[in-house]
């Protein structure tokens, strides 16, 4: 298990939801954290020699942002959580703008940060973790969320491409994709769960019951800290994240 205090962790999309919980968990584990978000967020203080959180107000999807922040902070861990909230409506009620929003946010963020991690490159032994969605693992997709599932699946593909390029160039950077199941307290969960429950003729409680233990920001933070601390040789390319933690895919 590595000591996270020895290198900066950048969390992109840290103002709310899973990203907020992940940033706090890394700071609690002793890491200096840079929390990147477009809107300001409040974080607790971390006294007693533990880590710290420094906020950077920036759009993680802008092409110049990754290079600027990687040059400034020289991170050893980068976690990509940022993205848009789905526009929950049937396909015929979508516009191209609402349908494609996740390609212009979630995929764009992953593309620019993965690209810059290779171009810099990050120091040997660094880790980059892309947080996708458990919906991207289902055969039926997500018919009420437009292009969301396709975009989240693409995040997995390009994270794998980054690992291929790292291995080919001998960079010793580890890239992984995480697929969280429903997290009711996050922005995505709050948007999706009522709509899918209603479409199934169920209450939200009835809809969620078969899902098993649910993901929270705290559970996500603990799981990703453990992944960041793990020996690179033991890290898998992809994991499902549910309420009991990470499960290798």
Protein backbone atom coordinates (compact mmCIF):
# COMPACT_ATOMS: atom_id res chain seq x y z
CA UNK A 1 0.00 0.00 0.00
CA UNK A 2 1.52 3.31 -1.07
CA UNK A 3 1.66 6.48 1.00
CA UNK A 4 -0.61 9.03 -0.67
CA UNK A 5 1.05 11.93 1.15
CA UNK A 6 4.00 11.71 -1.22
CA UNK A 7 2.19 13.02 -4.29
CA UNK A 8 -0.73 15.22 -5.27
CA UNK A 9 -4.10 13.78 -6.24
CA UNK A 10 -6.21 15.73 -8.75
CA UNK A 11 -9.96 15.06 -8.66
CA UNK A 12 -11.83 16.46 -11.67
CA UNK A 13 -15.48 17.06 -10.86
CA UNK A 14 -15.04 17.44 -7.11
CA UNK A 15 -17.77 19.95 -6.27
CA UNK A 16 -20.56 17.43 -5.69
CA UNK A 17 -21.59 13.79 -5.65
CA UNK A 18 -19.02 11.03 -5.91
CA UNK A 19 -16.23 13.47 -6.81
CA UNK A 20 -16.78 15.43 -3.62
CA UNK A 21 -16.67 12.27 -1.52
CA UNK A 22 -13.57 11.03 -3.32
CA UNK A 23 -11.70 14.30 -2.76
CA UNK A 24 -12.49 14.20 0.96
CA UNK A 25 -11.47 10.55 1.29
CA UNK A 26 -8.08 11.17 -0.33
CA UNK A 27 -7.41 14.12 1.94
CA UNK A 28 -8.39 12.03 4.97
CA UNK A 29 -5.89 9.41 3.75
CA UNK A 30 -3.14 12.04 3.84
CA UNK A 31 -3.02 13.15 0.22
CA UNK A 32 -2.65 16.75 -0.93
CA UNK A 33 -5.76 17.06 -3.11
CA UNK A 34 -6.52 19.51 -5.92
CA UNK A 35 -10.31 19.65 -6.37
CA UNK A 36 -11.16 20.79 -9.91
CA UNK A 37 -14.69 22.00 -10.61
CA UNK A 38 -16.58 24.70 -12.44
CA UNK A 39 -18.40 25.78 -9.28
CA UNK A 40 -17.13 26.43 -5.77
CA UNK A 41 -17.50 23.72 -3.14
CA UNK A 42 -17.04 23.53 0.61
CA UNK A 43 -14.65 21.00 2.12
CA UNK A 44 -13.82 20.25 5.76
CA UNK A 45 -10.49 21.12 7.34
CA UNK A 46 -8.01 18.31 7.86
CA UNK A 47 -6.02 19.00 11.04
CA UNK A 48 -3.40 16.83 12.69
CA UNK A 49 -1.04 16.27 9.79
CA UNK A 50 -3.54 14.70 7.41
CA UNK A 51 -4.02 15.83 3.83
CA UNK A 52 -5.47 19.01 2.43
CA UNK A 53 -7.79 20.15 -0.35
CA UNK A 54 -7.05 23.05 -2.65
CA UNK A 55 -9.85 24.16 -4.98
CA UNK A 56 -9.24 25.03 -8.63
CA UNK A 57 -12.20 26.64 -10.37
CA UNK A 58 -11.88 25.45 -13.96
CA UNK A 59 -13.80 23.59 -16.65
CA UNK A 60 -12.11 20.19 -16.78
CA UNK A 61 -13.32 19.76 -20.36
CA UNK A 62 -11.38 22.74 -21.72
CA UNK A 63 -8.40 21.58 -23.76
CA UNK A 64 -5.83 23.79 -22.00
CA UNK A 65 -6.84 22.97 -18.41
CA UNK A 66 -5.21 19.53 -18.00
CA UNK A 67 -1.78 20.68 -19.19
CA UNK A 68 -1.90 23.77 -16.97
CA UNK A 69 -2.88 21.88 -13.82
CA UNK A 70 -0.63 18.88 -14.42
CA UNK A 71 2.34 21.23 -14.94
CA UNK A 72 1.45 23.16 -11.79
CA UNK A 73 0.81 20.24 -9.41
CA UNK A 74 2.74 17.28 -10.90
CA UNK A 75 0.11 14.76 -9.68
CA UNK A 76 0.70 11.08 -8.96
CA UNK A 77 -3.02 10.27 -9.10
CA UNK A 78 -5.71 11.75 -11.36
CA UNK A 79 -9.38 10.86 -10.90
CA UNK A 80 -11.87 11.87 -13.59
CA UNK A 81 -15.41 12.11 -12.23
CA UNK A 82 -16.79 15.23 -13.89
CA UNK A 83 -19.66 15.17 -16.34
CA UNK A 84 -23.17 16.35 -17.12
CA UNK A 85 -26.48 15.36 -15.55
CA UNK A 86 -28.58 13.31 -18.01
CA UNK A 87 -31.61 14.85 -19.64
CA UNK A 88 -34.14 12.18 -18.68
CA UNK A 89 -36.63 11.81 -21.51
CA UNK A 90 -37.46 9.32 -24.33
CA UNK A 91 -35.42 9.39 -27.52
CA UNK A 92 -38.10 11.17 -29.56
CA UNK A 93 -38.26 13.96 -26.98
CA UNK A 94 -34.50 14.56 -27.08
CA UNK A 95 -32.81 17.16 -29.23
CA UNK A 96 -29.33 16.56 -30.57
CA UNK A 97 -28.04 19.02 -27.98
CA UNK A 98 -29.61 17.14 -25.05
CA UNK A 99 -28.74 13.73 -26.52
CA UNK A 100 -25.06 14.54 -27.10
CA UNK A 101 -24.34 16.52 -23.93
CA UNK A 102 -22.29 13.67 -22.40
CA UNK A 103 -20.05 13.48 -25.45
CA UNK A 104 -19.30 17.17 -25.04
CA UNK A 105 -18.67 16.87 -21.29
CA UNK A 106 -17.88 13.39 -19.91
CA UNK A 107 -16.03 12.12 -22.99
CA UNK A 108 -14.34 15.45 -23.62
CA UNK A 109 -13.01 15.55 -20.05
CA UNK A 110 -11.64 12.01 -20.29
CA UNK A 111 -10.08 12.62 -23.69
CA UNK A 112 -8.18 15.77 -22.74
CA UNK A 113 -6.92 14.48 -19.38
CA UNK A 114 -5.91 11.04 -20.67
CA UNK A 115 -4.16 12.63 -23.61
CA UNK A 116 -2.24 15.05 -21.42
CA UNK A 117 -1.26 12.32 -18.95
CA UNK A 118 0.48 10.58 -21.86
CA UNK A 119 1.93 13.70 -23.45
CA UNK A 120 3.46 15.09 -20.25
CA UNK A 121 3.95 12.21 -19.33
CA UNK A 122 3.02 11.63 -15.68
CA UNK A 123 5.77 10.18 -13.50
CA UNK A 124 6.30 6.40 -13.60
CA UNK A 125 4.03 4.70 -11.09
CA UNK A 126 1.22 7.26 -11.49
CA UNK A 127 -2.42 6.20 -11.71
CA UNK A 128 -5.32 7.66 -13.70
CA UNK A 129 -8.84 6.51 -12.76
CA UNK A 130 -11.85 7.27 -14.97
CA UNK A 131 -15.24 7.06 -13.28
CA UNK A 132 -17.80 5.88 -15.84
CA UNK A 133 -21.25 4.43 -14.99
CA UNK A 134 -22.59 0.99 -14.20
CA UNK A 135 -25.28 1.68 -16.79
CA UNK A 136 -22.62 1.20 -19.48
CA UNK A 137 -22.33 -2.47 -18.53
CA UNK A 138 -25.96 -3.38 -19.25
CA UNK A 139 -26.96 -4.92 -22.56
CA UNK A 140 -30.06 -2.74 -22.87
CA UNK A 141 -28.38 0.59 -22.33
CA UNK A 142 -30.38 3.38 -20.73
CA UNK A 143 -33.27 4.29 -23.05
CA UNK A 144 -34.41 7.34 -21.10
CA UNK A 145 -31.04 9.13 -20.83
CA UNK A 146 -30.14 9.93 -24.43
CA UNK A 147 -26.48 9.43 -25.30
CA UNK A 148 -25.40 8.92 -21.68
CA UNK A 149 -24.59 5.20 -21.84
CA UNK A 150 -22.74 5.43 -25.15
CA UNK A 151 -20.60 8.24 -23.79
CA UNK A 152 -19.84 6.37 -20.57
CA UNK A 153 -18.88 3.26 -22.53
CA UNK A 154 -16.58 5.37 -24.69
CA UNK A 155 -14.82 6.56 -21.54
CA UNK A 156 -13.89 2.94 -20.87
CA UNK A 157 -12.58 2.44 -24.40
CA UNK A 158 -10.36 5.51 -24.43
CA UNK A 159 -9.04 4.74 -20.94
CA UNK A 160 -8.02 1.36 -22.35
CA UNK A 161 -6.41 3.08 -25.33
CA UNK A 162 -4.38 5.19 -22.90
CA UNK A 163 -3.16 2.04 -21.15
CA UNK A 164 -2.18 0.56 -24.51
CA UNK A 165 -0.15 3.67 -25.36
CA UNK A 166 1.44 3.76 -21.90
CA UNK A 167 2.52 0.13 -22.18
CA UNK A 168 3.82 0.59 -25.70
CA UNK A 169 5.92 3.60 -24.67
CA UNK A 170 7.08 2.06 -21.37
CA UNK A 171 5.62 4.95 -19.34
CA UNK A 172 4.58 2.80 -16.33
CA UNK A 173 1.30 4.68 -15.85
CA UNK A 174 -1.74 2.65 -14.76
CA UNK A 175 -5.16 3.50 -16.22
CA UNK A 176 -8.41 2.05 -14.82
CA UNK A 177 -12.15 2.56 -15.33
CA UNK A 178 -14.69 2.40 -12.50
CA UNK A 179 -18.38 1.62 -13.10
CA UNK A 180 -20.51 2.79 -10.14
CA UNK A 181 -24.00 1.38 -9.73
CA UNK A 182 -26.89 3.62 -8.67
CA UNK A 183 -25.91 6.31 -6.19
CA UNK A 184 -29.20 7.92 -5.09
CA UNK A 185 -27.63 10.96 -3.41
CA UNK A 186 -25.72 12.15 -6.49
CA UNK A 187 -26.99 14.46 -9.21
CA UNK A 188 -27.14 11.64 -11.77
CA UNK A 189 -28.91 9.34 -9.32
CA UNK A 190 -31.46 11.96 -8.32
CA UNK A 191 -32.25 12.58 -12.00
CA UNK A 192 -32.44 8.94 -13.14
CA UNK A 193 -33.97 6.96 -10.28
CA UNK A 194 -37.42 8.63 -10.11
CA UNK A 195 -37.83 8.43 -13.90
CA UNK A 196 -36.89 4.76 -14.18
CA UNK A 197 -38.94 3.85 -11.11
CA UNK A 198 -42.01 5.54 -12.61
CA UNK A 199 -41.42 3.86 -15.98
CA UNK A 200 -41.34 0.50 -14.19
CA UNK A 201 -44.53 1.28 -12.23
CA UNK A 202 -42.61 1.09 -8.95
CA UNK A 203 -41.86 3.37 -6.06
CA UNK A 204 -38.26 4.49 -5.79
CA UNK A 205 -37.76 2.18 -2.82
CA UNK A 206 -39.16 -0.79 -4.74
CA UNK A 207 -37.03 0.03 -7.77
CA UNK A 208 -33.81 0.25 -5.76
CA UNK A 209 -34.37 -2.81 -3.55
CA UNK A 210 -33.08 -5.38 -6.11
CA UNK A 211 -29.96 -3.27 -6.69
CA UNK A 212 -28.46 -4.43 -3.39
CA UNK A 213 -26.12 -2.22 -1.34
CA UNK A 214 -26.09 1.25 -2.88
CA UNK A 215 -23.10 3.46 -3.64
CA UNK A 216 -22.52 6.62 -1.60
CA UNK A 217 -19.81 9.29 -2.00
CA UNK A 218 -18.16 7.91 1.15
CA UNK A 219 -18.07 4.34 -0.18
CA UNK A 220 -16.69 5.56 -3.52
CA UNK A 221 -14.01 7.57 -1.75
CA UNK A 222 -12.86 4.64 0.40
CA UNK A 223 -12.78 2.28 -2.58
CA UNK A 224 -10.74 4.62 -4.78
CA UNK A 225 -8.26 5.37 -2.01
CA UNK A 226 -7.62 1.63 -1.74
CA UNK A 227 -7.22 1.38 -5.50
CA UNK A 228 -4.80 4.30 -5.61
CA UNK A 229 -2.73 2.71 -2.84
CA UNK A 230 -2.61 -0.74 -4.43
CA UNK A 231 0.43 -2.13 -6.19
CA UNK A 232 0.13 -1.34 -9.90
CA UNK A 233 0.58 -5.01 -10.82
CA UNK A 234 -2.58 -5.86 -8.87
CA UNK A 235 -4.77 -3.18 -10.51
CA UNK A 236 -7.30 -4.39 -13.09
CA UNK A 237 -8.40 -2.39 -16.14
CA UNK A 238 -12.02 -2.14 -14.94
CA UNK A 239 -14.09 -2.50 -11.78
CA UNK A 240 -17.75 -2.47 -10.83
CA UNK A 241 -18.40 -0.29 -7.78
CA UNK A 242 -21.39 -1.09 -5.57
CA UNK A 243 -22.21 -0.57 -1.92
CA UNK A 244 -19.71 -3.22 -0.84
CA UNK A 245 -16.78 -1.74 -2.77
CA UNK A 246 -14.87 -2.58 -5.96
CA UNK A 247 -15.30 -5.82 -7.90
CA UNK A 248 -12.96 -6.62 -10.76
CA UNK A 249 -14.61 -6.96 -14.17
